[in-house]
């Protein structure tokens, strides 16, 4: 075995695994259920704490039964991070529940973080994306400030700024601002190519958005090569 590999192996073997506090959380919950009842405020707090602990470790399935207690009582910035990450995992499978989690996370982050905080802007952006997908006009109320913050804090070429540009571009297109939408779609494409690579799924999505706008405004010839490139990317990723 190479010396470096041996060193790495020994280092991994000597690194203690993080302690598992789940038994303590469950013990506290079960004790309060017995002595106080399932609906007592302290019992609800124990259920919330267990769920947040499980979700923070990525065990969303076992945390889900206690989600009502989490949504009702979560109040810390750490809980906001857990809720945001939880929502990300649900966006495709259960967008309605993901929206509830994003809204709760947004409320907590807005309460605890400054207005120009990037994490707050990202939660706004993700919520805006869900609302846009179902055609809700409220999406613009979240996408516009998110884009402004990300541009200011991260710069125009950051991947998150590019994602916000794409969402805002779609909202401008819906509102009839074709020049504004095209400008943002082109920026989103440029950022996707730089941040994710020319053959990434994000680049394909940006190509499709721009091509759709061009086609719908009578520029099919300009849209065609963009769509063809997007198809090649999609085919290559299968």
C-alpha atoms as a PDB file:
ATOM      1  CA  UNK A   1       0.000   0.000   0.000  1.00  0.00           C
ATOM      2  CA  UNK A   2       1.303   3.457  -0.874  1.00  0.00           C
ATOM      3  CA  UNK A   3       2.407   5.569   2.065  1.00  0.00           C
ATOM      4  CA  UNK A   4      -0.211   8.275   1.368  1.00  0.00           C
ATOM      5  CA  UNK A   5      -2.998   5.675   1.096  1.00  0.00           C
ATOM      6  CA  UNK A   6      -1.863   4.086   4.358  1.00  0.00           C
ATOM      7  CA  UNK A   7      -1.863   7.467   6.098  1.00  0.00           C
ATOM      8  CA  UNK A   8      -5.343   8.243   4.809  1.00  0.00           C
ATOM      9  CA  UNK A   9      -6.629   4.832   5.863  1.00  0.00           C
ATOM     10  CA  UNK A  10      -5.244   5.186   9.373  1.00  0.00           C
ATOM     11  CA  UNK A  11      -6.637   8.705   9.628  1.00  0.00           C
ATOM     12  CA  UNK A  12     -10.102   7.534   8.618  1.00  0.00           C
ATOM     13  CA  UNK A  13      -9.958   4.623  11.033  1.00  0.00           C
ATOM     14  CA  UNK A  14      -8.940   6.884  13.903  1.00  0.00           C
ATOM     15  CA  UNK A  15     -11.614   9.512  13.227  1.00  0.00           C
ATOM     16  CA  UNK A  16     -14.444   8.937  15.692  1.00  0.00           C
ATOM     17  CA  UNK A  17     -17.937   8.775  14.245  1.00  0.00           C
ATOM     18  CA  UNK A  18     -20.268  11.559  15.408  1.00  0.00           C
ATOM     19  CA  UNK A  19     -22.318  10.656  18.475  1.00  0.00           C
ATOM     20  CA  UNK A  20     -25.888   9.512  17.904  1.00  0.00           C
ATOM     21  CA  UNK A  21     -28.279  11.459  20.112  1.00  0.00           C
ATOM     22  CA  UNK A  22     -31.452   9.952  18.659  1.00  0.00           C
ATOM     23  CA  UNK A  23     -32.018   7.628  21.670  1.00  0.00           C
ATOM     24  CA  UNK A  24     -31.914  10.613  24.020  1.00  0.00           C
ATOM     25  CA  UNK A  25     -34.382  12.589  21.905  1.00  0.00           C
ATOM     26  CA  UNK A  26     -36.716   9.595  21.709  1.00  0.00           C
ATOM     27  CA  UNK A  27     -36.448   8.937  25.430  1.00  0.00           C
ATOM     28  CA  UNK A  28     -37.395  12.536  26.199  1.00  0.00           C
ATOM     29  CA  UNK A  29     -40.343  12.384  23.796  1.00  0.00           C
ATOM     30  CA  UNK A  30     -41.657   9.067  25.140  1.00  0.00           C
ATOM     31  CA  UNK A  31     -41.357  10.239  28.740  1.00  0.00           C
ATOM     32  CA  UNK A  32     -43.262  13.435  28.035  1.00  0.00           C
ATOM     33  CA  UNK A  33     -45.912  11.545  26.082  1.00  0.00           C
ATOM     34  CA  UNK A  34     -46.488   9.319  29.113  1.00  0.00           C
ATOM     35  CA  UNK A  35     -46.427  11.986  31.804  1.00  0.00           C
ATOM     36  CA  UNK A  36     -47.816  15.058  30.017  1.00  0.00           C
ATOM     37  CA  UNK A  37     -49.818  13.656  27.099  1.00  0.00           C
ATOM     38  CA  UNK A  38     -49.233  13.842  23.346  1.00  0.00           C
ATOM     39  CA  UNK A  39     -50.556  17.394  22.900  1.00  0.00           C
ATOM     40  CA  UNK A  40     -48.782  19.092  25.804  1.00  0.00           C
ATOM     41  CA  UNK A  41     -46.486  21.969  24.729  1.00  0.00           C
ATOM     42  CA  UNK A  42     -43.398  20.233  26.117  1.00  0.00           C
ATOM     43  CA  UNK A  43     -44.290  17.019  24.276  1.00  0.00           C
ATOM     44  CA  UNK A  44     -44.701  18.957  21.043  1.00  0.00           C
ATOM     45  CA  UNK A  45     -41.289  20.531  21.613  1.00  0.00           C
ATOM     46  CA  UNK A  46     -39.705  17.100  22.078  1.00  0.00           C
ATOM     47  CA  UNK A  47     -41.306  15.832  18.864  1.00  0.00           C
ATOM     48  CA  UNK A  48     -40.024  18.906  17.044  1.00  0.00           C
ATOM     49  CA  UNK A  49     -36.507  18.470  18.397  1.00  0.00           C
ATOM     50  CA  UNK A  50     -36.407  14.807  17.388  1.00  0.00           C
ATOM     51  CA  UNK A  51     -37.619  15.624  13.885  1.00  0.00           C
ATOM     52  CA  UNK A  52     -35.114  18.431  13.407  1.00  0.00           C
ATOM     53  CA  UNK A  53     -32.311  16.184  14.619  1.00  0.00           C
ATOM     54  CA  UNK A  54     -33.275  13.392  12.213  1.00  0.00           C
ATOM     55  CA  UNK A  55     -33.737  15.798   9.311  1.00  0.00           C
ATOM     56  CA  UNK A  56     -30.392  17.466   9.995  1.00  0.00           C
ATOM     57  CA  UNK A  57     -28.831  14.016   9.450  1.00  0.00           C
ATOM     58  CA  UNK A  58     -30.756  13.559   6.192  1.00  0.00           C
ATOM     59  CA  UNK A  59     -33.226  11.031   7.650  1.00  0.00           C
ATOM     60  CA  UNK A  60     -36.304  12.818   6.323  1.00  0.00           C
ATOM     61  CA  UNK A  61     -38.480   9.712   6.167  1.00  0.00           C
ATOM     62  CA  UNK A  62     -38.372   9.145   9.919  1.00  0.00           C
ATOM     63  CA  UNK A  63     -38.660  12.859  10.635  1.00  0.00           C
ATOM     64  CA  UNK A  64     -41.818  13.282   8.547  1.00  0.00           C
ATOM     65  CA  UNK A  65     -44.330  11.965  11.149  1.00  0.00           C
ATOM     66  CA  UNK A  66     -43.351  14.905  13.371  1.00  0.00           C
ATOM     67  CA  UNK A  67     -43.475  17.540  10.638  1.00  0.00           C
ATOM     68  CA  UNK A  68     -46.668  19.218  11.983  1.00  0.00           C
ATOM     69  CA  UNK A  69     -44.896  19.878  15.287  1.00  0.00           C
ATOM     70  CA  UNK A  70     -41.897  21.278  13.422  1.00  0.00           C
ATOM     71  CA  UNK A  71     -43.982  23.642  11.307  1.00  0.00           C
ATOM     72  CA  UNK A  72     -45.937  24.794  14.344  1.00  0.00           C
ATOM     73  CA  UNK A  73     -43.046  25.501  16.709  1.00  0.00           C
ATOM     74  CA  UNK A  74     -39.715  25.788  14.870  1.00  0.00           C
ATOM     75  CA  UNK A  75     -38.178  29.124  15.762  1.00  0.00           C
ATOM     76  CA  UNK A  76     -34.412  29.123  15.312  1.00  0.00           C
ATOM     77  CA  UNK A  77     -32.110  29.934  12.432  1.00  0.00           C
ATOM     78  CA  UNK A  78     -30.731  26.375  12.652  1.00  0.00           C
ATOM     79  CA  UNK A  79     -34.260  25.053  12.141  1.00  0.00           C
ATOM     80  CA  UNK A  80     -34.599  27.297   9.085  1.00  0.00           C
ATOM     81  CA  UNK A  81     -31.573  25.633   7.502  1.00  0.00           C
ATOM     82  CA  UNK A  82     -32.997  22.165   8.147  1.00  0.00           C
ATOM     83  CA  UNK A  83     -36.385  23.158   6.721  1.00  0.00           C
ATOM     84  CA  UNK A  84     -34.808  24.702   3.624  1.00  0.00           C
ATOM     85  CA  UNK A  85     -32.715  21.586   2.937  1.00  0.00           C
ATOM     86  CA  UNK A  86     -35.729  19.373   3.573  1.00  0.00           C
ATOM     87  CA  UNK A  87     -37.763  21.362   1.054  1.00  0.00           C
ATOM     88  CA  UNK A  88     -35.068  20.922  -1.584  1.00  0.00           C
ATOM     89  CA  UNK A  89     -35.487  17.133  -1.391  1.00  0.00           C
ATOM     90  CA  UNK A  90     -39.275  17.440  -1.860  1.00  0.00           C
ATOM     91  CA  UNK A  91     -39.501  19.891  -4.757  1.00  0.00           C
ATOM     92  CA  UNK A  92     -40.207  17.300  -7.452  1.00  0.00           C
ATOM     93  CA  UNK A  93     -41.985  14.669  -5.365  1.00  0.00           C
ATOM     94  CA  UNK A  94     -44.243  16.913  -3.272  1.00  0.00           C
ATOM     95  CA  UNK A  95     -44.080  20.576  -4.358  1.00  0.00           C
ATOM     96  CA  UNK A  96     -46.978  21.581  -2.093  1.00  0.00           C
ATOM     97  CA  UNK A  97     -45.173  20.347   1.009  1.00  0.00           C
ATOM     98  CA  UNK A  98     -41.896  21.820  -0.243  1.00  0.00           C
ATOM     99  CA  UNK A  99     -43.646  25.179  -0.515  1.00  0.00           C
ATOM    100  CA  UNK A 100     -44.837  24.973   3.099  1.00  0.00           C
ATOM    101  CA  UNK A 101     -41.304  24.198   4.254  1.00  0.00           C
ATOM    102  CA  UNK A 102     -39.802  27.009   2.193  1.00  0.00           C
ATOM    103  CA  UNK A 103     -42.344  29.476   3.563  1.00  0.00           C
ATOM    104  CA  UNK A 104     -41.552  28.480   7.134  1.00  0.00           C
ATOM    105  CA  UNK A 105     -37.813  28.649   6.460  1.00  0.00           C
ATOM    106  CA  UNK A 106     -38.268  32.025   4.780  1.00  0.00           C
ATOM    107  CA  UNK A 107     -40.156  33.392   7.758  1.00  0.00           C
ATOM    108  CA  UNK A 108     -37.436  32.270  10.149  1.00  0.00           C
ATOM    109  CA  UNK A 109     -34.588  33.530   7.993  1.00  0.00           C
ATOM    110  CA  UNK A 110     -36.317  36.885   7.465  1.00  0.00           C
ATOM    111  CA  UNK A 111     -36.677  37.171  11.241  1.00  0.00           C
ATOM    112  CA  UNK A 112     -33.095  36.246  12.118  1.00  0.00           C
ATOM    113  CA  UNK A 113     -30.984  37.362   9.147  1.00  0.00           C
ATOM    114  CA  UNK A 114     -30.256  40.780   7.589  1.00  0.00           C
ATOM    115  CA  UNK A 115     -32.145  41.657   4.385  1.00  0.00           C
ATOM    116  CA  UNK A 116     -29.042  41.239   2.191  1.00  0.00           C
ATOM    117  CA  UNK A 117     -28.164  37.768   3.481  1.00  0.00           C
ATOM    118  CA  UNK A 118     -27.461  35.212   0.742  1.00  0.00           C
ATOM    119  CA  UNK A 119     -29.180  32.306   2.519  1.00  0.00           C
ATOM    120  CA  UNK A 120     -32.346  34.380   2.839  1.00  0.00           C
ATOM    121  CA  UNK A 121     -32.152  35.249  -0.870  1.00  0.00           C
ATOM    122  CA  UNK A 122     -31.697  31.583  -1.852  1.00  0.00           C
ATOM    123  CA  UNK A 123     -34.808  30.551   0.083  1.00  0.00           C
ATOM    124  CA  UNK A 124     -36.722  33.355  -1.657  1.00  0.00           C
ATOM    125  CA  UNK A 125     -35.389  32.138  -4.997  1.00  0.00           C
ATOM    126  CA  UNK A 126     -36.358  28.511  -4.424  1.00  0.00           C
ATOM    127  CA  UNK A 127     -39.845  29.508  -3.330  1.00  0.00           C
ATOM    128  CA  UNK A 128     -40.146  31.730  -6.399  1.00  0.00           C
ATOM    129  CA  UNK A 129     -39.226  28.783  -8.620  1.00  0.00           C
ATOM    130  CA  UNK A 130     -42.002  26.651  -7.151  1.00  0.00           C
ATOM    131  CA  UNK A 131     -44.535  29.442  -7.515  1.00  0.00           C
ATOM    132  CA  UNK A 132     -43.455  30.110 -11.102  1.00  0.00           C
ATOM    133  CA  UNK A 133     -43.937  26.429 -11.981  1.00  0.00           C
ATOM    134  CA  UNK A 134     -47.598  26.652 -11.057  1.00  0.00           C
ATOM    135  CA  UNK A 135     -48.123  30.089 -12.603  1.00  0.00           C
ATOM    136  CA  UNK A 136     -48.493  32.016  -9.357  1.00  0.00           C
ATOM    137  CA  UNK A 137     -47.926  35.767  -9.748  1.00  0.00           C
ATOM    138  CA  UNK A 138     -46.514  35.907  -6.220  1.00  0.00           C
ATOM    139  CA  UNK A 139     -43.294  34.443  -7.630  1.00  0.00           C
ATOM    140  CA  UNK A 140     -42.120  37.878  -8.749  1.00  0.00           C
ATOM    141  CA  UNK A 141     -42.360  39.243  -5.195  1.00  0.00           C
ATOM    142  CA  UNK A 142     -39.670  36.764  -4.180  1.00  0.00           C
ATOM    143  CA  UNK A 143     -37.576  36.498  -7.360  1.00  0.00           C
ATOM    144  CA  UNK A 144     -36.890  40.208  -7.800  1.00  0.00           C
ATOM    145  CA  UNK A 145     -35.376  40.839  -4.337  1.00  0.00           C
ATOM    146  CA  UNK A 146     -33.512  37.520  -4.482  1.00  0.00           C
ATOM    147  CA  UNK A 147     -31.879  38.474  -7.777  1.00  0.00           C
ATOM    148  CA  UNK A 148     -30.930  41.917  -6.453  1.00  0.00           C
ATOM    149  CA  UNK A 149     -29.282  40.463  -3.340  1.00  0.00           C
ATOM    150  CA  UNK A 150     -27.425  37.719  -5.202  1.00  0.00           C
ATOM    151  CA  UNK A 151     -26.116  40.180  -7.790  1.00  0.00           C
ATOM    152  CA  UNK A 152     -24.876  42.484  -5.043  1.00  0.00           C
ATOM    153  CA  UNK A 153     -23.412  39.854  -2.732  1.00  0.00           C
ATOM    154  CA  UNK A 154     -22.123  37.210  -5.154  1.00  0.00           C
ATOM    155  CA  UNK A 155     -21.708  39.052  -8.443  1.00  0.00           C
ATOM    156  CA  UNK A 156     -23.348  38.525 -11.840  1.00  0.00           C
ATOM    157  CA  UNK A 157     -21.449  35.338 -12.721  1.00  0.00           C
ATOM    158  CA  UNK A 158     -22.309  33.220  -9.682  1.00  0.00           C
ATOM    159  CA  UNK A 159     -24.417  30.111 -10.361  1.00  0.00           C
ATOM    160  CA  UNK A 160     -27.113  31.280  -7.945  1.00  0.00           C
ATOM    161  CA  UNK A 161     -27.292  34.646  -9.660  1.00  0.00           C
ATOM    162  CA  UNK A 162     -27.660  32.819 -12.950  1.00  0.00           C
ATOM    163  CA  UNK A 163     -30.528  30.724 -11.589  1.00  0.00           C
ATOM    164  CA  UNK A 164     -32.236  33.857 -10.315  1.00  0.00           C
ATOM    165  CA  UNK A 165     -31.760  35.481 -13.716  1.00  0.00           C
ATOM    166  CA  UNK A 166     -33.503  32.554 -15.387  1.00  0.00           C
ATOM    167  CA  UNK A 167     -36.473  32.668 -13.035  1.00  0.00           C
ATOM    168  CA  UNK A 168     -36.784  36.436 -13.321  1.00  0.00           C
ATOM    169  CA  UNK A 169     -36.459  36.180 -17.089  1.00  0.00           C
ATOM    170  CA  UNK A 170     -39.426  33.803 -17.211  1.00  0.00           C
ATOM    171  CA  UNK A 171     -41.476  36.192 -15.077  1.00  0.00           C
ATOM    172  CA  UNK A 172     -40.636  39.118 -17.337  1.00  0.00           C
ATOM    173  CA  UNK A 173     -41.613  37.054 -20.380  1.00  0.00           C
ATOM    174  CA  UNK A 174     -44.985  36.287 -18.794  1.00  0.00           C
ATOM    175  CA  UNK A 175     -45.438  39.989 -18.079  1.00  0.00           C
ATOM    176  CA  UNK A 176     -44.699  40.852 -21.737  1.00  0.00           C
ATOM    177  CA  UNK A 177     -41.268  42.431 -21.200  1.00  0.00           C
ATOM    178  CA  UNK A 178     -39.552  40.570 -24.028  1.00  0.00           C
ATOM    179  CA  UNK A 179     -36.318  42.610 -24.152  1.00  0.00           C
ATOM    180  CA  UNK A 180     -35.878  42.295 -20.385  1.00  0.00           C
ATOM    181  CA  UNK A 181     -36.619  38.579 -20.483  1.00  0.00           C
ATOM    182  CA  UNK A 182     -34.169  37.972 -23.318  1.00  0.00           C
ATOM    183  CA  UNK A 183     -31.422  39.885 -21.532  1.00  0.00           C
ATOM    184  CA  UNK A 184     -31.856  37.780 -18.407  1.00  0.00           C
ATOM    185  CA  UNK A 185     -32.155  34.503 -20.316  1.00  0.00           C
ATOM    186  CA  UNK A 186     -28.908  35.255 -22.151  1.00  0.00           C
ATOM    187  CA  UNK A 187     -27.204  36.064 -18.886  1.00  0.00           C
ATOM    188  CA  UNK A 188     -28.542  32.845 -17.328  1.00  0.00           C
ATOM    189  CA  UNK A 189     -27.142  30.871 -20.268  1.00  0.00           C
ATOM    190  CA  UNK A 190     -23.726  32.513 -20.030  1.00  0.00           C
ATOM    191  CA  UNK A 191     -23.559  31.857 -16.296  1.00  0.00           C
ATOM    192  CA  UNK A 192     -24.695  28.230 -16.687  1.00  0.00           C
ATOM    193  CA  UNK A 193     -22.004  27.561 -19.279  1.00  0.00           C
ATOM    194  CA  UNK A 194     -19.328  29.051 -17.041  1.00  0.00           C
ATOM    195  CA  UNK A 195     -20.500  27.693 -13.681  1.00  0.00           C
ATOM    196  CA  UNK A 196     -21.752  24.229 -14.695  1.00  0.00           C
ATOM    197  CA  UNK A 197     -20.090  23.578 -18.052  1.00  0.00           C
ATOM    198  CA  UNK A 198     -21.295  23.618 -21.667  1.00  0.00           C
ATOM    199  CA  UNK A 199     -22.825  20.130 -21.467  1.00  0.00           C
ATOM    200  CA  UNK A 200     -24.557  20.383 -18.097  1.00  0.00           C
ATOM    201  CA  UNK A 201     -28.288  19.976 -17.538  1.00  0.00           C
ATOM    202  CA  UNK A 202     -28.436  23.555 -16.250  1.00  0.00           C
ATOM    203  CA  UNK A 203     -26.996  24.758 -19.553  1.00  0.00           C
ATOM    204  CA  UNK A 204     -29.576  22.731 -21.488  1.00  0.00           C
ATOM    205  CA  UNK A 205     -32.395  24.288 -19.463  1.00  0.00           C
ATOM    206  CA  UNK A 206     -31.031  27.794 -20.099  1.00  0.00           C
ATOM    207  CA  UNK A 207     -30.780  27.057 -23.821  1.00  0.00           C
ATOM    208  CA  UNK A 208     -34.373  25.831 -23.880  1.00  0.00           C
ATOM    209  CA  UNK A 209     -35.659  28.915 -22.069  1.00  0.00           C
ATOM    210  CA  UNK A 210     -33.944  31.288 -24.480  1.00  0.00           C
ATOM    211  CA  UNK A 211     -34.957  29.241 -27.528  1.00  0.00           C
ATOM    212  CA  UNK A 212     -38.588  29.169 -26.398  1.00  0.00           C
ATOM    213  CA  UNK A 213     -38.633  32.944 -26.033  1.00  0.00           C
ATOM    214  CA  UNK A 214     -37.078  33.427 -29.463  1.00  0.00           C
ATOM    215  CA  UNK A 215     -39.507  31.023 -31.096  1.00  0.00           C
ATOM    216  CA  UNK A 216     -42.533  32.621 -29.482  1.00  0.00           C
ATOM    217  CA  UNK A 217     -41.447  36.035 -30.743  1.00  0.00           C
ATOM    218  CA  UNK A 218     -41.074  34.947 -34.348  1.00  0.00           C
ATOM    219  CA  UNK A 219     -37.347  34.116 -34.362  1.00  0.00           C
ATOM    220  CA  UNK A 220     -37.496  30.409 -35.098  1.00  0.00           C
ATOM    221  CA  UNK A 221     -34.265  30.436 -37.107  1.00  0.00           C
ATOM    222  CA  UNK A 222     -32.349  31.796 -34.127  1.00  0.00           C
ATOM    223  CA  UNK A 223     -34.087  29.373 -31.773  1.00  0.00           C
ATOM    224  CA  UNK A 224     -33.374  26.223 -33.805  1.00  0.00           C
ATOM    225  CA  UNK A 225     -29.631  25.813 -33.113  1.00  0.00           C
ATOM    226  CA  UNK A 226     -30.204  26.480 -29.430  1.00  0.00           C
ATOM    227  CA  UNK A 227     -32.824  23.748 -29.234  1.00  0.00           C
ATOM    228  CA  UNK A 228     -30.612  21.377 -31.185  1.00  0.00           C
ATOM    229  CA  UNK A 229     -27.751  21.951 -28.780  1.00  0.00           C
ATOM    230  CA  UNK A 230     -30.049  21.433 -25.789  1.00  0.00           C
ATOM    231  CA  UNK A 231     -31.277  18.138 -27.258  1.00  0.00           C
ATOM    232  CA  UNK A 232     -27.703  16.941 -27.728  1.00  0.00           C
ATOM    233  CA  UNK A 233     -26.907  17.758 -24.101  1.00  0.00           C
ATOM    234  CA  UNK A 234     -30.018  15.930 -22.881  1.00  0.00           C
ATOM    235  CA  UNK A 235     -29.219  12.912 -25.038  1.00  0.00           C
ATOM    236  CA  UNK A 236     -25.645  12.789 -23.782  1.00  0.00           C
ATOM    237  CA  UNK A 237     -26.722  12.839 -20.141  1.00  0.00           C
ATOM    238  CA  UNK A 238     -28.943   9.745 -20.397  1.00  0.00           C
END
